[in-house]
Amino acid sequence: MDTAQNKMWNKNFNLVIIGQIISLFGSAMLRFALSLYVMDITGREDIFAGLFAISNIPILLSPLGGAIADRFNRRNLMVIFDFSSSFVVFIFILLLAQNGHSILLIGVVMVLLSVISAMYTPTVTASIPQLVEESSLAGANGIVQAVQALSYVVAPVCAGILYGIMSVQALIAVSGAAFFLSAVMEIFIRIPFVKRQSEGAMLKTIGRDMKEGFVFVAKQPFILKAMLIAALINFILTPLFVVGGPIILRMTMKSTDTIYGIGMGIIQFANILGALLIG
């Protein structure tokens, strides 16, 4: 192992990666279990697709998450986000036991967790440059992205197997425990934090930061064109895989929980393979 790798694998970076693995794995398992649960109790493709669409709207808050990460202690933000996810999940379990099959409740929970996730991911990404030296930054960012990609491959397979042998409440509880464990681990992370000078109220300052980010992107033709192309591809192709795939596997082909999990894992694995081929 060379010097750059030795400098990259320090205690704080290791804790961030382990916490990210646990948190993302729990989140991916939960989304998978809820989507499977909705299809099983309703048998309707339109409800499943509608819930998926609504739960993905908060991803538009990612720029806000990045702006917040620039103004507050990133370790504290990660801890707050994971504890919040854990709290939402355990309250969800209690309400699910009382209200039974509530599609509205499932939708609200999926939206709340999506909001938290939209804030969590930019915070983790923004913390990496403070944890490793510049010479190791490319490798460290690659590991963060690999963890995110692998969680979407392994989690559906594991969730599909567990969904077939335990109740959905138990599977949701496992995800909540994962969020809680991740938050506890992140308490021990030390990320350097220098409070930036703010001009005026914090909300106005964060709004100004977001505006500066959008202006910077707008002035970079290559970045702007790449974003527009990616948005167009996602608009056309992503629904086929993330909505059409589950419907075809579960409702048309009547696959078992395990086969469904493996099928969704293979679809996500294709994303990793594509990235490797481009590299």
Protein backbone atom coordinates (compact mmCIF):
# COMPACT_ATOMS: atom_id res chain seq x y z
CA MET A 1 0.00 0.00 0.00
CA ASP A 2 1.54 3.34 -1.05
CA THR A 3 1.90 6.50 1.04
CA ALA A 4 -1.14 8.21 -0.52
CA GLN A 5 -3.36 5.27 0.38
CA ASN A 6 -1.98 5.20 3.93
CA LYS A 7 -2.82 8.88 4.32
CA MET A 8 -6.31 8.32 2.93
CA TRP A 9 -7.32 5.50 5.31
CA ASN A 10 -7.31 7.49 8.55
CA LYS A 11 -9.69 6.98 11.47
CA ASN A 12 -12.12 9.76 10.57
CA PHE A 13 -12.34 8.76 6.90
CA ASN A 14 -12.88 5.13 7.89
CA LEU A 15 -15.73 6.08 10.22
CA VAL A 16 -17.38 8.21 7.52
CA ILE A 17 -17.21 5.33 5.03
CA ILE A 18 -18.49 2.72 7.52
CA GLY A 19 -21.29 5.06 8.62
CA GLN A 20 -22.17 5.71 4.97
CA ILE A 21 -22.25 1.96 4.22
CA ILE A 22 -24.62 1.29 7.14
CA SER A 23 -26.84 4.29 6.44
CA LEU A 24 -27.11 3.81 2.68
CA PHE A 25 -27.61 0.07 3.04
CA GLY A 26 -30.45 0.65 5.52
CA SER A 27 -32.01 3.31 3.29
CA ALA A 28 -31.84 1.15 0.15
CA MET A 29 -33.33 -1.83 2.00
CA LEU A 30 -36.16 0.32 3.34
CA ARG A 31 -37.06 1.80 -0.05
CA PHE A 32 -37.02 -1.66 -1.58
CA ALA A 33 -39.18 -3.18 1.17
CA LEU A 34 -41.74 -0.36 1.02
CA SER A 35 -42.02 -0.54 -2.78
CA LEU A 36 -42.52 -4.30 -2.57
CA TYR A 37 -45.04 -3.86 0.25
CA VAL A 38 -47.06 -1.29 -1.71
CA MET A 39 -47.26 -3.55 -4.77
CA ASP A 40 -48.28 -6.53 -2.66
CA ILE A 41 -51.07 -4.81 -0.72
CA THR A 42 -52.52 -2.78 -3.62
CA GLY A 43 -51.69 -4.78 -6.75
CA ARG A 44 -51.82 -1.48 -8.64
CA GLU A 45 -49.00 -0.17 -10.83
CA ASP A 46 -50.28 3.42 -10.82
CA ILE A 47 -50.10 3.73 -7.02
CA PHE A 48 -46.58 2.31 -6.97
CA ALA A 49 -45.43 4.66 -9.75
CA GLY A 50 -47.12 7.66 -8.12
CA LEU A 51 -45.48 7.01 -4.75
CA PHE A 52 -42.11 6.63 -6.42
CA ALA A 53 -42.53 9.92 -8.30
CA ILE A 54 -43.64 11.85 -5.21
CA SER A 55 -40.86 10.41 -3.03
CA ASN A 56 -38.22 11.52 -5.55
CA ILE A 57 -39.32 15.17 -5.68
CA PRO A 58 -37.20 16.08 -2.60
CA ILE A 59 -34.03 15.22 -4.55
CA LEU A 60 -34.37 18.78 -5.87
CA LEU A 61 -33.33 19.88 -2.38
CA SER A 62 -29.77 18.59 -2.91
CA PRO A 63 -28.42 22.10 -3.70
CA LEU A 64 -29.91 23.26 -0.40
CA GLY A 65 -28.14 20.36 1.35
CA GLY A 66 -24.85 21.44 -0.18
CA ALA A 67 -25.36 25.05 0.92
CA ILE A 68 -26.19 23.94 4.48
CA ALA A 69 -23.11 21.68 4.54
CA ASP A 70 -20.95 24.73 3.72
CA ARG A 71 -22.28 26.68 6.71
CA PHE A 72 -22.56 24.12 9.53
CA ASN A 73 -20.45 21.44 11.17
CA ARG A 74 -20.68 18.49 8.78
CA ARG A 75 -20.17 15.84 11.45
CA ASN A 76 -23.08 17.24 13.43
CA LEU A 77 -25.24 17.35 10.31
CA MET A 78 -24.56 13.68 9.51
CA VAL A 79 -25.43 12.68 13.08
CA ILE A 80 -28.64 14.75 13.02
CA PHE A 81 -29.72 13.35 9.64
CA ASP A 82 -29.18 9.70 10.65
CA PHE A 83 -30.88 10.14 14.04
CA SER A 84 -33.78 11.87 12.24
CA SER A 85 -34.10 8.96 9.80
CA SER A 86 -34.07 6.50 12.69
CA PHE A 87 -36.75 8.50 14.53
CA VAL A 88 -38.98 8.66 11.43
CA VAL A 89 -38.66 4.90 10.86
CA PHE A 90 -39.49 3.90 14.43
CA ILE A 91 -42.48 6.27 14.56
CA PHE A 92 -43.55 4.74 11.26
CA ILE A 93 -43.46 1.24 12.79
CA LEU A 94 -45.71 2.35 15.65
CA LEU A 95 -48.20 4.07 13.32
CA LEU A 96 -48.15 1.11 10.93
CA ALA A 97 -49.13 -1.20 13.79
CA GLN A 98 -52.12 1.04 14.60
CA ASN A 99 -53.28 2.11 11.13
CA GLY A 100 -52.56 -1.07 9.19
CA HIS A 101 -52.08 -0.72 5.42
CA SER A 102 -51.98 3.06 5.04
CA ILE A 103 -50.69 4.10 1.61
CA LEU A 104 -50.78 7.75 2.68
CA LEU A 105 -48.58 7.01 5.69
CA ILE A 106 -46.10 5.09 3.53
CA GLY A 107 -45.98 7.99 1.08
CA VAL A 108 -45.33 10.55 3.83
CA VAL A 109 -42.52 8.41 5.27
CA MET A 110 -40.91 7.93 1.86
CA VAL A 111 -40.99 11.68 1.24
CA LEU A 112 -39.51 12.49 4.67
CA LEU A 113 -36.69 9.97 4.22
CA SER A 114 -36.04 11.30 0.72
CA VAL A 115 -35.74 14.85 2.10
CA ILE A 116 -33.22 13.67 4.71
CA SER A 117 -31.28 11.70 2.09
CA ALA A 118 -31.13 14.75 -0.19
CA MET A 119 -29.43 16.61 2.66
CA TYR A 120 -27.23 13.72 3.85
CA THR A 121 -25.43 12.83 0.60
CA PRO A 122 -24.02 16.34 -0.16
CA THR A 123 -22.87 16.58 3.46
CA VAL A 124 -20.84 13.36 3.21
CA THR A 125 -19.38 14.36 -0.15
CA ALA A 126 -18.43 17.84 1.10
CA SER A 127 -16.65 16.40 4.16
CA ILE A 128 -14.20 14.22 2.19
CA PRO A 129 -11.75 17.03 1.20
CA GLN A 130 -11.38 17.84 4.92
CA LEU A 131 -10.54 14.26 5.86
CA VAL A 132 -7.90 13.30 3.28
CA GLU A 133 -4.98 15.06 1.65
CA GLU A 134 -5.33 16.49 -1.84
CA SER A 135 -3.18 13.72 -3.35
CA SER A 136 -5.69 11.12 -2.07
CA LEU A 137 -8.86 13.07 -2.88
CA ALA A 138 -9.63 11.34 -6.19
CA GLY A 139 -9.34 7.89 -4.63
CA ALA A 140 -11.40 8.88 -1.60
CA ASN A 141 -14.21 10.31 -3.75
CA GLY A 142 -14.12 7.14 -5.84
CA ILE A 143 -14.64 5.04 -2.71
CA VAL A 144 -17.59 7.20 -1.62
CA GLN A 145 -19.23 6.79 -5.04
CA ALA A 146 -18.50 3.04 -5.06
CA VAL A 147 -20.17 2.64 -1.66
CA GLN A 148 -23.27 4.41 -2.95
CA ALA A 149 -23.40 2.23 -6.06
CA LEU A 150 -22.78 -1.07 -4.25
CA SER A 151 -25.48 -0.33 -1.68
CA TYR A 152 -28.03 -0.24 -4.51
CA VAL A 153 -26.81 -3.65 -5.75
CA VAL A 154 -26.46 -5.60 -2.49
CA ALA A 155 -29.41 -4.12 -0.56
CA PRO A 156 -32.19 -5.26 -2.96
CA VAL A 157 -30.89 -8.83 -2.95
CA CYS A 158 -30.65 -8.94 0.86
CA ALA A 159 -34.01 -7.19 1.27
CA GLY A 160 -35.68 -9.59 -1.15
CA ILE A 161 -34.41 -12.58 0.85
CA LEU A 162 -35.35 -11.04 4.23
CA TYR A 163 -38.77 -9.92 2.94
CA GLY A 164 -39.58 -13.54 2.24
CA ILE A 165 -38.66 -14.81 5.72
CA MET A 166 -39.73 -11.98 8.06
CA SER A 167 -42.51 -9.44 8.38
CA VAL A 168 -42.24 -6.06 6.70
CA GLN A 169 -42.32 -4.46 10.17
CA ALA A 170 -39.20 -6.42 11.15
CA LEU A 171 -37.43 -5.41 7.96
CA ILE A 172 -38.32 -1.76 8.54
CA ALA A 173 -36.98 -2.08 12.11
CA VAL A 174 -33.66 -3.39 10.74
CA SER A 175 -33.38 -0.26 8.58
CA GLY A 176 -34.19 1.98 11.56
CA ALA A 177 -31.51 0.24 13.63
CA ALA A 178 -29.03 0.79 10.78
CA PHE A 179 -29.71 4.54 10.80
CA PHE A 180 -29.31 4.66 14.60
CA LEU A 181 -26.03 2.70 14.52
CA SER A 182 -24.66 4.95 11.79
CA ALA A 183 -25.50 8.07 13.81
CA VAL A 184 -23.78 6.68 16.92
CA MET A 185 -20.61 5.90 14.93
CA GLU A 186 -20.58 9.36 13.36
CA ILE A 187 -20.47 10.99 16.80
CA PHE A 188 -16.83 9.89 17.03
CA ILE A 189 -15.82 11.50 13.73
CA ARG A 190 -13.66 14.62 13.91
CA ILE A 191 -14.09 16.92 10.92
CA PRO A 192 -12.29 20.31 10.95
CA PHE A 193 -14.82 23.11 10.98
CA VAL A 194 -14.20 26.81 10.54
CA LYS A 195 -17.35 28.89 10.80
CA ARG A 196 -17.78 31.07 7.75
CA GLN A 197 -18.72 34.71 8.11
CA SER A 198 -22.42 35.20 7.39
CA GLU A 199 -23.90 38.43 6.16
CA GLY A 200 -27.37 38.99 7.56
CA ALA A 201 -29.88 36.26 8.42
CA MET A 202 -28.83 32.64 7.94
CA LEU A 203 -31.67 31.88 5.49
CA LYS A 204 -30.63 34.81 3.29
CA THR A 205 -27.00 33.70 3.48
CA ILE A 206 -27.84 30.13 2.42
CA GLY A 207 -30.04 31.48 -0.39
CA ARG A 208 -27.15 33.68 -1.55
CA ASP A 209 -24.79 30.67 -1.52
CA MET A 210 -27.21 28.64 -3.66
CA LYS A 211 -27.58 31.51 -6.11
CA GLU A 212 -23.80 31.76 -6.47
CA GLY A 213 -23.64 28.02 -7.16
CA PHE A 214 -26.29 28.20 -9.89
CA VAL A 215 -24.58 31.23 -11.47
CA PHE A 216 -21.23 29.39 -11.48
CA VAL A 217 -22.77 26.35 -13.21
CA ALA A 218 -24.57 28.56 -15.74
CA LYS A 219 -21.23 30.14 -16.70
CA GLN A 220 -19.60 26.73 -17.35
CA PRO A 221 -20.91 25.54 -20.75
CA PHE A 222 -19.54 22.00 -20.45
CA ILE A 223 -20.99 21.41 -16.98
CA LEU A 224 -24.34 22.91 -17.98
CA LYS A 225 -24.59 20.80 -21.15
CA ALA A 226 -23.59 17.63 -19.25
CA MET A 227 -26.28 18.32 -16.63
CA LEU A 228 -28.96 18.88 -19.28
CA ILE A 229 -28.02 15.69 -21.15
CA ALA A 230 -28.01 13.68 -17.90
CA ALA A 231 -31.41 15.12 -16.97
CA LEU A 232 -32.83 14.20 -20.39
CA ILE A 233 -31.48 10.64 -20.21
CA ASN A 234 -32.84 10.23 -16.68
CA PHE A 235 -36.22 11.57 -17.77
CA ILE A 236 -36.48 9.05 -20.62
CA LEU A 237 -34.71 5.91 -19.38
CA THR A 238 -34.73 5.93 -15.56
CA PRO A 239 -38.52 5.42 -15.22
CA LEU A 240 -38.23 2.31 -17.40
CA PHE A 241 -35.78 0.68 -14.99
CA VAL A 242 -36.88 1.95 -11.57
CA VAL A 243 -40.65 1.77 -12.20
CA GLY A 244 -41.08 -0.55 -15.18
CA GLY A 245 -38.55 -3.10 -13.90
CA PRO A 246 -40.32 -3.78 -10.58
CA ILE A 247 -43.74 -3.92 -12.26
CA ILE A 248 -42.53 -6.41 -14.90
CA LEU A 249 -40.67 -8.59 -12.41
CA ARG A 250 -43.21 -8.60 -9.60
CA MET A 251 -46.61 -8.19 -11.21
CA THR A 252 -46.20 -9.49 -14.75
CA MET A 253 -43.71 -12.32 -14.19
CA LYS A 254 -44.96 -13.08 -10.64
CA SER A 255 -41.38 -13.49 -9.36
CA THR A 256 -40.59 -14.55 -5.81
CA ASP A 257 -39.19 -12.05 -3.28
CA THR A 258 -35.65 -13.43 -3.72
CA ILE A 259 -35.76 -13.43 -7.54
CA TYR A 260 -37.21 -9.92 -7.49
CA GLY A 261 -34.35 -8.75 -5.26
CA ILE A 262 -31.75 -10.37 -7.51
CA GLY A 263 -33.34 -8.85 -10.60
CA MET A 264 -33.30 -5.32 -9.15
CA GLY A 265 -29.72 -5.87 -7.96
CA ILE A 266 -28.66 -6.81 -11.50
CA ILE A 267 -30.27 -3.65 -12.88
CA GLN A 268 -28.29 -1.54 -10.40
CA PHE A 269 -25.11 -3.53 -11.09
CA ALA A 270 -25.44 -2.45 -14.72
CA ASN A 271 -25.00 1.16 -13.54
CA ILE A 272 -21.67 0.26 -11.92
CA LEU A 273 -20.54 -1.71 -14.98
CA GLY A 274 -21.38 1.22 -17.21
CA ALA A 275 -19.33 3.59 -15.06
CA LEU A 276 -16.35 1.19 -15.14
CA LEU A 277 -16.54 0.84 -18.92
CA ILE A 278 -16.58 4.62 -19.34
CA GLY A 279 -13.49 4.83 -17.11
